[in-house]
PDB file of N, CA and C in Angstrom:
ATOM      1  N   MET A   1      20.760  12.931  27.915  1.00  0.00           N
ATOM      2  CA  MET A   1      20.316  12.189  26.574  1.00  0.00           C
ATOM      3  C   MET A   1      18.661  12.935  26.556  1.00  0.00           C
ATOM      4  N   LYS A   2      18.568  12.849  25.228  1.00  0.00           N
ATOM      5  CA  LYS A   2      17.841  13.572  24.608  1.00  0.00           C
ATOM      6  C   LYS A   2      16.680  12.813  24.657  1.00  0.00           C
ATOM      7  N   ASP A   3      15.368  13.304  24.660  1.00  0.00           N
ATOM      8  CA  ASP A   3      14.429  12.199  24.930  1.00  0.00           C
ATOM      9  C   ASP A   3      13.942  11.732  22.965  1.00  0.00           C
ATOM     10  N   LYS A   4      12.971   9.994  22.778  1.00  0.00           N
ATOM     11  CA  LYS A   4      12.987   9.796  21.474  1.00  0.00           C
ATOM     12  C   LYS A   4      12.006  10.755  20.754  1.00  0.00           C
ATOM     13  N   ARG A   5      11.205  11.488  21.388  1.00  0.00           N
ATOM     14  CA  ARG A   5      10.885  12.347  20.318  1.00  0.00           C
ATOM     15  C   ARG A   5      11.273  13.366  19.360  1.00  0.00           C
ATOM     16  N   THR A   6      12.388  14.037  20.297  1.00  0.00           N
ATOM     17  CA  THR A   6      13.329  15.114  20.645  1.00  0.00           C
ATOM     18  C   THR A   6      14.364  14.481  18.935  1.00  0.00           C
ATOM     19  N   GLU A   7      15.197  13.186  19.446  1.00  0.00           N
ATOM     20  CA  GLU A   7      16.040  12.381  18.201  1.00  0.00           C
ATOM     21  C   GLU A   7      15.255  12.533  17.145  1.00  0.00           C
ATOM     22  N   VAL A   8      14.131  12.101  16.795  1.00  0.00           N
ATOM     23  CA  VAL A   8      13.298  11.956  16.048  1.00  0.00           C
ATOM     24  C   VAL A   8      13.242  12.809  14.990  1.00  0.00           C
ATOM     25  N   VAL A   9      12.931  14.156  15.866  1.00  0.00           N
ATOM     26  CA  VAL A   9      12.398  15.745  15.113  1.00  0.00           C
ATOM     27  C   VAL A   9      13.608  16.511  14.723  1.00  0.00           C
ATOM     28  N   GLU A  10      14.949  16.163  15.258  1.00  0.00           N
ATOM     29  CA  GLU A  10      16.218  16.119  14.864  1.00  0.00           C
ATOM     30  C   GLU A  10      16.630  15.664  13.694  1.00  0.00           C
ATOM     31  N   LYS A  11      17.138  14.012  13.881  1.00  0.00           N
ATOM     32  CA  LYS A  11      17.118  13.679  12.924  1.00  0.00           C
ATOM     33  C   LYS A  11      16.533  14.062  11.348  1.00  0.00           C
ATOM     34  N   LEU A  12      14.776  14.430  11.795  1.00  0.00           N
ATOM     35  CA  LEU A  12      14.269  14.185  10.245  1.00  0.00           C
ATOM     36  C   LEU A  12      14.727  15.666   9.750  1.00  0.00           C
ATOM     37  N   ILE A  13      15.070  16.638  10.249  1.00  0.00           N
ATOM     38  CA  ILE A  13      15.604  17.979  10.146  1.00  0.00           C
ATOM     39  C   ILE A  13      16.747  17.684   9.776  1.00  0.00           C
ATOM     40  N   ASP A  14      17.476  17.210  10.460  1.00  0.00           N
ATOM     41  CA  ASP A  14      19.189  17.117   9.678  1.00  0.00           C
ATOM     42  C   ASP A  14      19.463  16.157   7.902  1.00  0.00           C
ATOM     43  N   LYS A  15      18.335  15.353   8.322  1.00  0.00           N
ATOM     44  CA  LYS A  15      18.129  14.215   6.906  1.00  0.00           C
ATOM     45  C   LYS A  15      17.557  15.274   5.262  1.00  0.00           C
ATOM     46  N   SER A  16      16.795  16.117   6.237  1.00  0.00           N
ATOM     47  CA  SER A  16      16.361  16.879   4.963  1.00  0.00           C
ATOM     48  C   SER A  16      16.252  18.182   4.811  1.00  0.00           C
ATOM     49  N   TRP A  17      16.722  18.873   6.038  1.00  0.00           N
ATOM     50  CA  TRP A  17      17.385  20.388   5.567  1.00  0.00           C
ATOM     51  C   TRP A  17      18.777  20.566   5.573  1.00  0.00           C
ATOM     52  N   SER A  18      19.498  21.504   4.694  1.00  0.00           N
ATOM     53  CA  SER A  18      20.464  21.961   4.998  1.00  0.00           C
ATOM     54  C   SER A  18      21.391  22.546   6.328  1.00  0.00           C
ATOM     55  N   SER A  19      19.827  23.324   6.773  1.00  0.00           N
ATOM     56  CA  SER A  19      20.766  23.456   8.494  1.00  0.00           C
ATOM     57  C   SER A  19      18.936  23.927   9.107  1.00  0.00           C
ATOM     58  N   LYS A  20      19.634  23.894  10.396  1.00  0.00           N
ATOM     59  CA  LYS A  20      17.947  23.925  11.496  1.00  0.00           C
ATOM     60  C   LYS A  20      17.440  25.293  11.170  1.00  0.00           C
ATOM     61  N   LYS A  21      18.712  26.004  11.163  1.00  0.00           N
ATOM     62  CA  LYS A  21      18.074  27.436  11.028  1.00  0.00           C
ATOM     63  C   LYS A  21      17.158  27.776   9.816  1.00  0.00           C
ATOM     64  N   ALA A  22      18.084  27.015   8.690  1.00  0.00           N
ATOM     65  CA  ALA A  22      17.189  27.204   7.159  1.00  0.00           C
ATOM     66  C   ALA A  22      15.538  26.797   7.411  1.00  0.00           C
ATOM     67  N   PHE A  23      15.482  25.470   8.394  1.00  0.00           N
ATOM     68  CA  PHE A  23      14.320  24.772   8.553  1.00  0.00           C
ATOM     69  C   PHE A  23      13.441  25.649   9.645  1.00  0.00           C
ATOM     70  N   ALA A  24      14.108  26.356  10.248  1.00  0.00           N
ATOM     71  CA  ALA A  24      13.116  27.527  11.154  1.00  0.00           C
ATOM     72  C   ALA A  24      12.402  28.281  10.851  1.00  0.00           C
ATOM     73  N   GLU A  25      13.096  28.701   9.540  1.00  0.00           N
ATOM     74  CA  GLU A  25      13.320  29.674   8.927  1.00  0.00           C
ATOM     75  C   GLU A  25      11.553  29.352   7.623  1.00  0.00           C
ATOM     76  N   SER A  26      11.967  27.984   7.526  1.00  0.00           N
ATOM     77  CA  SER A  26      10.415  27.889   6.664  1.00  0.00           C
ATOM     78  C   SER A  26       9.503  27.662   7.270  1.00  0.00           C
ATOM     79  N   ILE A  27       9.588  27.071   8.390  1.00  0.00           N
ATOM     80  CA  ILE A  27       8.180  27.286   9.269  1.00  0.00           C
ATOM     81  C   ILE A  27       7.548  28.638  10.184  1.00  0.00           C
ATOM     82  N   ASP A  28       8.508  29.358   9.661  1.00  0.00           N
ATOM     83  CA  ASP A  28       8.161  30.682  10.502  1.00  0.00           C
ATOM     84  C   ASP A  28       8.284  30.843  11.950  1.00  0.00           C
ATOM     85  N   ILE A  29       9.598  30.277  12.648  1.00  0.00           N
ATOM     86  CA  ILE A  29       9.640  29.953  13.981  1.00  0.00           C
ATOM     87  C   ILE A  29      11.064  30.763  14.321  1.00  0.00           C
ATOM     88  N   PRO A  30      11.676  31.481  15.232  1.00  0.00           N
ATOM     89  CA  PRO A  30      12.918  31.958  15.459  1.00  0.00           C
ATOM     90  C   PRO A  30      13.857  30.658  15.856  1.00  0.00           C
ATOM     91  N   TYR A  31      14.774  30.637  15.032  1.00  0.00           N
ATOM     92  CA  TYR A  31      15.633  29.845  15.410  1.00  0.00           C
ATOM     93  C   TYR A  31      16.339  29.242  16.591  1.00  0.00           C
ATOM     94  N   THR A  32      16.482  30.924  17.226  1.00  0.00           N
ATOM     95  CA  THR A  32      16.263  30.240  18.841  1.00  0.00           C
ATOM     96  C   THR A  32      15.243  29.204  19.725  1.00  0.00           C
ATOM     97  N   THR A  33      14.364  29.632  19.088  1.00  0.00           N
ATOM     98  CA  THR A  33      13.127  28.607  19.655  1.00  0.00           C
ATOM     99  C   THR A  33      12.995  27.411  19.270  1.00  0.00           C
ATOM    100  N   LEU A  34      13.456  27.086  18.111  1.00  0.00           N
ATOM    101  CA  LEU A  34      13.701  25.667  17.771  1.00  0.00           C
ATOM    102  C   LEU A  34      14.577  25.054  18.378  1.00  0.00           C
ATOM    103  N   ARG A  35      15.859  25.878  18.472  1.00  0.00           N
ATOM    104  CA  ARG A  35      17.206  25.018  19.425  1.00  0.00           C
ATOM    105  C   ARG A  35      16.650  25.047  20.448  1.00  0.00           C
ATOM    106  N   SER A  36      16.257  25.623  21.274  1.00  0.00           N
ATOM    107  CA  SER A  36      15.607  25.357  22.677  1.00  0.00           C
ATOM    108  C   SER A  36      14.886  23.866  22.977  1.00  0.00           C
ATOM    109  N   MET A  37      14.093  24.284  21.604  1.00  0.00           N
ATOM    110  CA  MET A  37      13.158  23.075  21.788  1.00  0.00           C
ATOM    111  C   MET A  37      14.080  21.665  21.464  1.00  0.00           C
ATOM    112  N   LEU A  38      15.065  21.750  21.006  1.00  0.00           N
ATOM    113  CA  LEU A  38      16.158  21.108  20.451  1.00  0.00           C
ATOM    114  C   LEU A  38      16.798  20.337  21.415  1.00  0.00           C
ATOM    115  N   GLN A  39      16.999  21.523  22.624  1.00  0.00           N
ATOM    116  CA  GLN A  39      17.908  20.971  24.050  1.00  0.00           C
ATOM    117  C   GLN A  39      17.141  20.971  25.009  1.00  0.00           C
ATOM    118  N   ARG A  40      15.956  21.363  25.004  1.00  0.00           N
ATOM    119  CA  ARG A  40      14.882  21.046  26.396  1.00  0.00           C
ATOM    120  C   ARG A  40      14.781  20.171  26.337  1.00  0.00           C
ATOM    121  N   GLY A  41      13.670  19.326  25.112  1.00  0.00           N
ATOM    122  CA  GLY A  41      13.103  18.168  24.405  1.00  0.00           C
ATOM    123  C   GLY A  41      11.545  18.724  24.153  1.00  0.00           C
ATOM    124  N   ILE A  42      11.524  17.730  22.971  1.00  0.00           N
ATOM    125  CA  ILE A  42      10.502  18.407  22.499  1.00  0.00           C
ATOM    126  C   ILE A  42       8.775  18.095  22.962  1.00  0.00           C
ATOM    127  N   GLY A  43       9.141  17.301  24.375  1.00  0.00           N
ATOM    128  CA  GLY A  43       7.753  17.419  25.490  1.00  0.00           C
ATOM    129  C   GLY A  43       7.423  19.112  25.933  1.00  0.00           C
ATOM    130  N   ASN A  44       8.695  19.722  25.894  1.00  0.00           N
ATOM    131  CA  ASN A  44       8.878  20.618  26.963  1.00  0.00           C
ATOM    132  C   ASN A  44       8.387  22.245  26.073  1.00  0.00           C
ATOM    133  N   ALA A  45       7.788  21.915  24.632  1.00  0.00           N
ATOM    134  CA  ALA A  45       7.381  23.025  24.001  1.00  0.00           C
ATOM    135  C   ALA A  45       6.170  23.268  23.843  1.00  0.00           C
ATOM    136  N   SER A  46       5.972  24.632  23.246  1.00  0.00           N
ATOM    137  CA  SER A  46       4.095  24.617  23.227  1.00  0.00           C
ATOM    138  C   SER A  46       3.878  23.853  21.722  1.00  0.00           C
ATOM    139  N   VAL A  47       2.554  23.721  22.361  1.00  0.00           N
ATOM    140  CA  VAL A  47       1.887  22.933  21.521  1.00  0.00           C
ATOM    141  C   VAL A  47       1.657  23.429  20.090  1.00  0.00           C
ATOM    142  N   ASN A  48       1.276  24.584  19.843  1.00  0.00           N
ATOM    143  CA  ASN A  48       1.525  24.940  18.854  1.00  0.00           C
ATOM    144  C   ASN A  48       3.419  25.378  17.802  1.00  0.00           C
ATOM    145  N   ASN A  49       4.032  25.182  18.587  1.00  0.00           N
ATOM    146  CA  ASN A  49       5.214  25.340  17.925  1.00  0.00           C
ATOM    147  C   ASN A  49       5.591  23.580  17.435  1.00  0.00           C
ATOM    148  N   VAL A  50       5.416  22.677  18.299  1.00  0.00           N
ATOM    149  CA  VAL A  50       5.427  21.354  18.153  1.00  0.00           C
ATOM    150  C   VAL A  50       4.581  20.396  16.662  1.00  0.00           C
ATOM    151  N   ILE A  51       3.436  21.150  16.747  1.00  0.00           N
ATOM    152  CA  ILE A  51       2.758  21.580  15.778  1.00  0.00           C
ATOM    153  C   ILE A  51       3.306  22.339  14.283  1.00  0.00           C
ATOM    154  N   LYS A  52       4.058  23.109  14.595  1.00  0.00           N
ATOM    155  CA  LYS A  52       4.614  23.709  13.521  1.00  0.00           C
ATOM    156  C   LYS A  52       5.976  22.852  13.021  1.00  0.00           C
ATOM    157  N   VAL A  53       6.484  21.922  14.235  1.00  0.00           N
ATOM    158  CA  VAL A  53       7.855  21.403  13.430  1.00  0.00           C
ATOM    159  C   VAL A  53       7.398  20.437  12.963  1.00  0.00           C
ATOM    160  N   CYS A  54       6.485  19.505  13.660  1.00  0.00           N
ATOM    161  CA  CYS A  54       5.697  18.659  12.567  1.00  0.00           C
ATOM    162  C   CYS A  54       5.306  18.981  10.958  1.00  0.00           C
ATOM    163  N   LYS A  55       4.717  19.815  10.809  1.00  0.00           N
ATOM    164  CA  LYS A  55       3.911  20.127   9.753  1.00  0.00           C
ATOM    165  C   LYS A  55       5.367  20.655   8.822  1.00  0.00           C
ATOM    166  N   GLY A  56       5.938  20.941   9.468  1.00  0.00           N
ATOM    167  CA  GLY A  56       7.072  21.013   8.419  1.00  0.00           C
ATOM    168  C   GLY A  56       8.098  20.115   7.852  1.00  0.00           C
ATOM    169  N   LEU A  57       7.907  19.205   8.782  1.00  0.00           N
ATOM    170  CA  LEU A  57       8.588  17.673   8.353  1.00  0.00           C
ATOM    171  C   LEU A  57       7.739  17.244   7.445  1.00  0.00           C
ATOM    172  N   GLY A  58       6.559  17.237   7.477  1.00  0.00           N
ATOM    173  CA  GLY A  58       6.059  16.576   6.761  1.00  0.00           C
ATOM    174  C   GLY A  58       4.697  15.486   7.558  1.00  0.00           C
ATOM    175  N   ILE A  59       4.840  15.647   8.780  1.00  0.00           N
ATOM    176  CA  ILE A  59       4.012  14.234   9.429  1.00  0.00           C
ATOM    177  C   ILE A  59       2.893  14.646  10.475  1.00  0.00           C
ATOM    178  N   THR A  60       2.655  14.184  10.905  1.00  0.00           N
ATOM    179  CA  THR A  60       1.323  14.556  12.314  1.00  0.00           C
ATOM    180  C   THR A  60       2.099  14.351  13.851  1.00  0.00           C
ATOM    181  N   THR A  61       1.902  14.918  14.535  1.00  0.00           N
ATOM    182  CA  THR A  61       1.902  14.967  16.101  1.00  0.00           C
ATOM    183  C   THR A  61       2.168  13.081  16.287  1.00  0.00           C
ATOM    184  N   GLU A  62       0.633  12.317  15.676  1.00  0.00           N
ATOM    185  CA  GLU A  62       0.465  11.056  16.240  1.00  0.00           C
ATOM    186  C   GLU A  62       1.819  10.235  15.546  1.00  0.00           C
ATOM    187  N   GLU A  63       2.258  10.727  14.289  1.00  0.00           N
ATOM    188  CA  GLU A  63       3.163   9.939  13.479  1.00  0.00           C
ATOM    189  C   GLU A  63       4.619   9.791  14.416  1.00  0.00           C
ATOM    190  N   LEU A  64       4.778  11.583  14.876  1.00  0.00           N
ATOM    191  CA  LEU A  64       5.904  11.733  15.631  1.00  0.00           C
ATOM    192  C   LEU A  64       6.135  10.773  16.891  1.00  0.00           C
ATOM    193  N   GLU A  65       5.018  10.285  17.581  1.00  0.00           N
ATOM    194  CA  GLU A  65       4.782   9.694  18.302  1.00  0.00           C
ATOM    195  C   GLU A  65       4.458   8.221  17.858  1.00  0.00           C
ATOM    196  N   LYS A  66       4.210   7.578  17.259  1.00  0.00           N
ATOM    197  CA  LYS A  66       4.602   6.450  16.510  1.00  0.00           C
ATOM    198  C   LYS A  66       5.976   6.397  16.466  1.00  0.00           C
ATOM    199  N   MET A  67       7.001   6.976  15.571  1.00  0.00           N
ATOM    200  CA  MET A  67       8.002   6.893  15.418  1.00  0.00           C
ATOM    201  C   MET A  67       9.105   7.200  16.334  1.00  0.00           C
ATOM    202  N   ALA A  68       8.662   7.468  17.316  1.00  0.00           N
ATOM    203  CA  ALA A  68       9.489   7.538  19.050  1.00  0.00           C
ATOM    204  C   ALA A  68       9.166   6.362  19.680  1.00  0.00           C
ATOM    205  N   SER A  69       8.237   6.037  19.479  1.00  0.00           N
ATOM    206  CA  SER A  69       8.037   4.897  20.310  1.00  0.00           C
ATOM    207  C   SER A  69       8.339   3.716  19.816  1.00  0.00           C
ATOM    208  N   ARG A  70       9.144   3.059  18.446  1.00  0.00           N
ATOM    209  CA  ARG A  70       9.319   2.316  18.160  1.00  0.00           C
ATOM    210  C   ARG A  70      10.942   1.855  18.350  1.00  0.00           C
ATOM    211  N   LYS A  71      10.957   0.651  18.463  1.00  0.00           N
ATOM    212  CA  LYS A  71      12.204  -0.238  19.242  1.00  0.00           C
ATOM    213  C   LYS A  71      13.333   0.038  17.860  1.00  0.00           C
ATOM    214  N   GLU A  72      14.652   0.709  18.918  1.00  0.00           N
ATOM    215  CA  GLU A  72      15.623   0.826  18.022  1.00  0.00           C
ATOM    216  C   GLU A  72      16.231  -0.592  16.576  1.00  0.00           C
ATOM    217  N   ASP A  73      15.403  -1.344  16.776  1.00  0.00           N
ATOM    218  CA  ASP A  73      16.097  -2.656  15.699  1.00  0.00           C
ATOM    219  C   ASP A  73      14.800  -2.638  14.529  1.00  0.00           C
ATOM    220  N   SER A  74      13.651  -1.723  15.148  1.00  0.00           N
ATOM    221  CA  SER A  74      12.833  -1.874  14.127  1.00  0.00           C
ATOM    222  C   SER A  74      12.852  -0.912  13.408  1.00  0.00           C
ATOM    223  N   THR A  75      13.809   0.570  13.391  1.00  0.00           N
ATOM    224  CA  THR A  75      13.729   1.488  12.786  1.00  0.00           C
ATOM    225  C   THR A  75      13.668   0.645  10.973  1.00  0.00           C
ATOM    226  N   PRO A  76      13.108   1.198  10.020  1.00  0.00           N
ATOM    227  CA  PRO A  76      13.148   1.160   9.269  1.00  0.00           C
ATOM    228  C   PRO A  76      14.073   1.572   7.965  1.00  0.00           C
ATOM    229  N   ILE A  77      14.803   0.781   7.279  1.00  0.00           N
ATOM    230  CA  ILE A  77      15.768   1.076   6.124  1.00  0.00           C
ATOM    231  C   ILE A  77      14.950   1.297   4.574  1.00  0.00           C
ATOM    232  N   THR A  78      15.763   2.555   4.270  1.00  0.00           N
ATOM    233  CA  THR A  78      15.155   2.748   2.987  1.00  0.00           C
ATOM    234  C   THR A  78      16.291   2.479   2.006  1.00  0.00           C
ATOM    235  N   ILE A  79      15.871   1.920   1.080  1.00  0.00           N
ATOM    236  CA  ILE A  79      16.105   1.367  -0.064  1.00  0.00           C
ATOM    237  C   ILE A  79      15.738   1.809  -1.453  1.00  0.00           C
ATOM    238  N   ALA A  80      16.421   2.565  -1.873  1.00  0.00           N
ATOM    239  CA  ALA A  80      16.044   3.040  -3.462  1.00  0.00           C
ATOM    240  C   ALA A  80      16.406   2.266  -4.591  1.00  0.00           C
ATOM    241  N   ALA A  81      15.309   1.880  -5.208  1.00  0.00           N
ATOM    242  CA  ALA A  81      14.825   1.067  -6.519  1.00  0.00           C
ATOM    243  C   ALA A  81      14.601   1.738  -7.772  1.00  0.00           C
ATOM    244  N   HIS A  82      15.323   2.226  -8.335  1.00  0.00           N
ATOM    245  CA  HIS A  82      15.649   2.707  -9.302  1.00  0.00           C
ATOM    246  C   HIS A  82      14.922   2.091 -10.863  1.00  0.00           C
ATOM    247  N   HIS A  83      13.974   1.851 -11.330  1.00  0.00           N
ATOM    248  CA  HIS A  83      14.027   1.325 -12.412  1.00  0.00           C
ATOM    249  C   HIS A  83      13.567   2.382 -14.073  1.00  0.00           C
ATOM    250  N   ASP A  84      14.336   3.569 -13.638  1.00  0.00           N
ATOM    251  CA  ASP A  84      14.375   4.262 -14.740  1.00  0.00           C
ATOM    252  C   ASP A  84      15.557   3.626 -16.204  1.00  0.00           C
ATOM    253  N   GLY A  85      14.717   3.906 -17.481  1.00  0.00           N
ATOM    254  CA  GLY A  85      15.473   3.712 -18.655  1.00  0.00           C
ATOM    255  C   GLY A  85      15.318   2.130 -18.679  1.00  0.00           C
ATOM    256  N   ASP A  86      14.833   0.986 -18.056  1.00  0.00           N
ATOM    257  CA  ASP A  86      14.289  -0.134 -18.109  1.00  0.00           C
ATOM    258  C   ASP A  86      13.487  -0.128 -18.927  1.00  0.00           C
ATOM    259  N   GLU A  87      12.764  -1.281 -19.950  1.00  0.00           N
ATOM    260  CA  GLU A  87      11.345  -1.588 -20.275  1.00  0.00           C
ATOM    261  C   GLU A  87      10.654  -2.474 -19.475  1.00  0.00           C
ATOM    262  N   TRP A  88       9.651  -2.235 -18.775  1.00  0.00           N
ATOM    263  CA  TRP A  88       8.825  -2.966 -18.499  1.00  0.00           C
ATOM    264  C   TRP A  88       7.569  -2.986 -18.868  1.00  0.00           C
ATOM    265  N   THR A  89       6.847  -4.132 -19.002  1.00  0.00           N
ATOM    266  CA  THR A  89       5.832  -4.331 -19.676  1.00  0.00           C
ATOM    267  C   THR A  89       4.864  -4.005 -18.360  1.00  0.00           C
ATOM    268  N   ASP A  90       3.432  -4.231 -18.592  1.00  0.00           N
ATOM    269  CA  ASP A  90       2.450  -3.427 -17.982  1.00  0.00           C
ATOM    270  C   ASP A  90       2.432  -4.202 -16.472  1.00  0.00           C
ATOM    271  N   GLU A  91       2.281  -5.480 -17.128  1.00  0.00           N
ATOM    272  CA  GLU A  91       2.260  -6.605 -15.737  1.00  0.00           C
ATOM    273  C   GLU A  91       3.586  -6.289 -14.945  1.00  0.00           C
ATOM    274  N   GLU A  92       4.495  -6.318 -15.391  1.00  0.00           N
ATOM    275  CA  GLU A  92       5.322  -5.840 -14.198  1.00  0.00           C
ATOM    276  C   GLU A  92       5.641  -4.624 -13.547  1.00  0.00           C
ATOM    277  N   LEU A  93       5.021  -3.508 -14.051  1.00  0.00           N
ATOM    278  CA  LEU A  93       4.835  -2.132 -13.874  1.00  0.00           C
ATOM    279  C   LEU A  93       3.949  -2.535 -12.210  1.00  0.00           C
ATOM    280  N   GLU A  94       2.657  -3.617 -13.238  1.00  0.00           N
ATOM    281  CA  GLU A  94       1.607  -3.150 -12.259  1.00  0.00           C
ATOM    282  C   GLU A  94       2.068  -4.273 -11.078  1.00  0.00           C
ATOM    283  N   GLU A  95       2.907  -5.331 -11.142  1.00  0.00           N
ATOM    284  CA  GLU A  95       3.913  -6.171  -9.550  1.00  0.00           C
ATOM    285  C   GLU A  95       4.588  -5.280  -8.939  1.00  0.00           C
ATOM    286  N   ILE A  96       4.887  -4.465  -9.536  1.00  0.00           N
ATOM    287  CA  ILE A  96       5.759  -3.165  -9.125  1.00  0.00           C
ATOM    288  C   ILE A  96       4.680  -2.472  -7.759  1.00  0.00           C
ATOM    289  N   GLU A  97       3.934  -1.663  -8.430  1.00  0.00           N
ATOM    290  CA  GLU A  97       3.143  -0.987  -7.705  1.00  0.00           C
ATOM    291  C   GLU A  97       2.303  -2.075  -6.367  1.00  0.00           C
ATOM    292  N   LYS A  98       2.336  -3.426  -6.776  1.00  0.00           N
ATOM    293  CA  LYS A  98       1.621  -3.951  -5.874  1.00  0.00           C
ATOM    294  C   LYS A  98       2.718  -4.477  -4.681  1.00  0.00           C
ATOM    295  N   PHE A  99       3.805  -4.388  -4.963  1.00  0.00           N
ATOM    296  CA  PHE A  99       5.212  -4.836  -4.044  1.00  0.00           C
ATOM    297  C   PHE A  99       4.979  -3.423  -2.848  1.00  0.00           C
ATOM    298  N   LYS A 100       5.174  -2.584  -3.857  1.00  0.00           N
ATOM    299  CA  LYS A 100       4.917  -0.987  -3.434  1.00  0.00           C
ATOM    300  C   LYS A 100       4.043  -1.091  -1.990  1.00  0.00           C
ATOM    301  N   GLU A 101       2.778  -1.452  -2.797  1.00  0.00           N
ATOM    302  CA  GLU A 101       1.795  -1.289  -1.931  1.00  0.00           C
ATOM    303  C   GLU A 101       2.098  -2.210  -0.263  1.00  0.00           C
ATOM    304  N   TYR A 102       2.411  -3.448  -0.908  1.00  0.00           N
ATOM    305  CA  TYR A 102       2.346  -4.066   0.597  1.00  0.00           C
ATOM    306  C   TYR A 102       3.339  -3.903   1.078  1.00  0.00           C
ATOM    307  N   LEU A 103       4.291  -2.819   0.490  1.00  0.00           N
ATOM    308  CA  LEU A 103       5.432  -2.250   1.717  1.00  0.00           C
ATOM    309  C   LEU A 103       4.898  -1.600   2.798  1.00  0.00           C
ATOM    310  N   ARG A 104       4.197  -0.556   1.949  1.00  0.00           N
ATOM    311  CA  ARG A 104       3.541   0.636   2.832  1.00  0.00           C
ATOM    312  C   ARG A 104       2.828   0.026   4.058  1.00  0.00           C
ATOM    313  N   SER A 105       2.087  -1.157   3.543  1.00  0.00           N
ATOM    314  CA  SER A 105       0.746  -1.716   4.651  1.00  0.00           C
ATOM    315  C   SER A 105       1.647  -2.317   6.068  1.00  0.00           C
ATOM    316  N   LYS A 106       2.823  -2.719   5.761  1.00  0.00           N
ATOM    317  CA  LYS A 106       4.002  -3.086   6.516  1.00  0.00           C
ATOM    318  C   LYS A 106       4.095  -2.137   7.093  1.00  0.00           C
ATOM    319  N   ARG A 107       4.908  -0.785   6.697  1.00  0.00           N
ATOM    320  CA  ARG A 107       5.311   0.406   7.416  1.00  0.00           C
ATOM    321  C   ARG A 107       3.998   0.534   8.314  1.00  0.00           C
ATOM    322  N   ASP A 108       2.594   1.295   7.907  1.00  0.00           N
ATOM    323  CA  ASP A 108       1.607   1.505   8.813  1.00  0.00           C
ATOM    324  C   ASP A 108       1.336   0.414   9.660  1.00  0.00           C
ATOM    325  N   LYS A 109       1.341  -0.790   9.879  1.00  0.00           N
ATOM    326  CA  LYS A 109       1.161  -1.539  11.392  1.00  0.00           C
ATOM    327  C   LYS A 109       2.510  -1.191  12.268  1.00  0.00           C
ATOM    328  N   GLN A 110       3.550  -0.825  11.867  1.00  0.00           N
ATOM    329  CA  GLN A 110       4.329  -0.608  12.822  1.00  0.00           C
ATOM    330  C   GLN A 110       4.230   0.316  13.826  1.00  0.00           C
TER     331      GLN A 110
END
């Protein structure tokens, strides 16, 4: 069984990239190195490679640790809410922005 950090990294790569090989190329590490990191566990990889992977995913190592330490039932669910094409008043747009800030503040506390 993979450790949580490795599971998180693998899910983020799969979610955002067409392949692990494409991701490895984008962060300038050999695909075989990335594959080894995912098979053996992120904790067994060099610090430099972990940092490269995290930067490539747009997260810090601290954020990776937080994501890995979350309980299964507290994993946030992404909900897309588009308001393209709708006519919104300035007050409504301000309220939407306040709600987005509220949601971000809850995410930061997790």
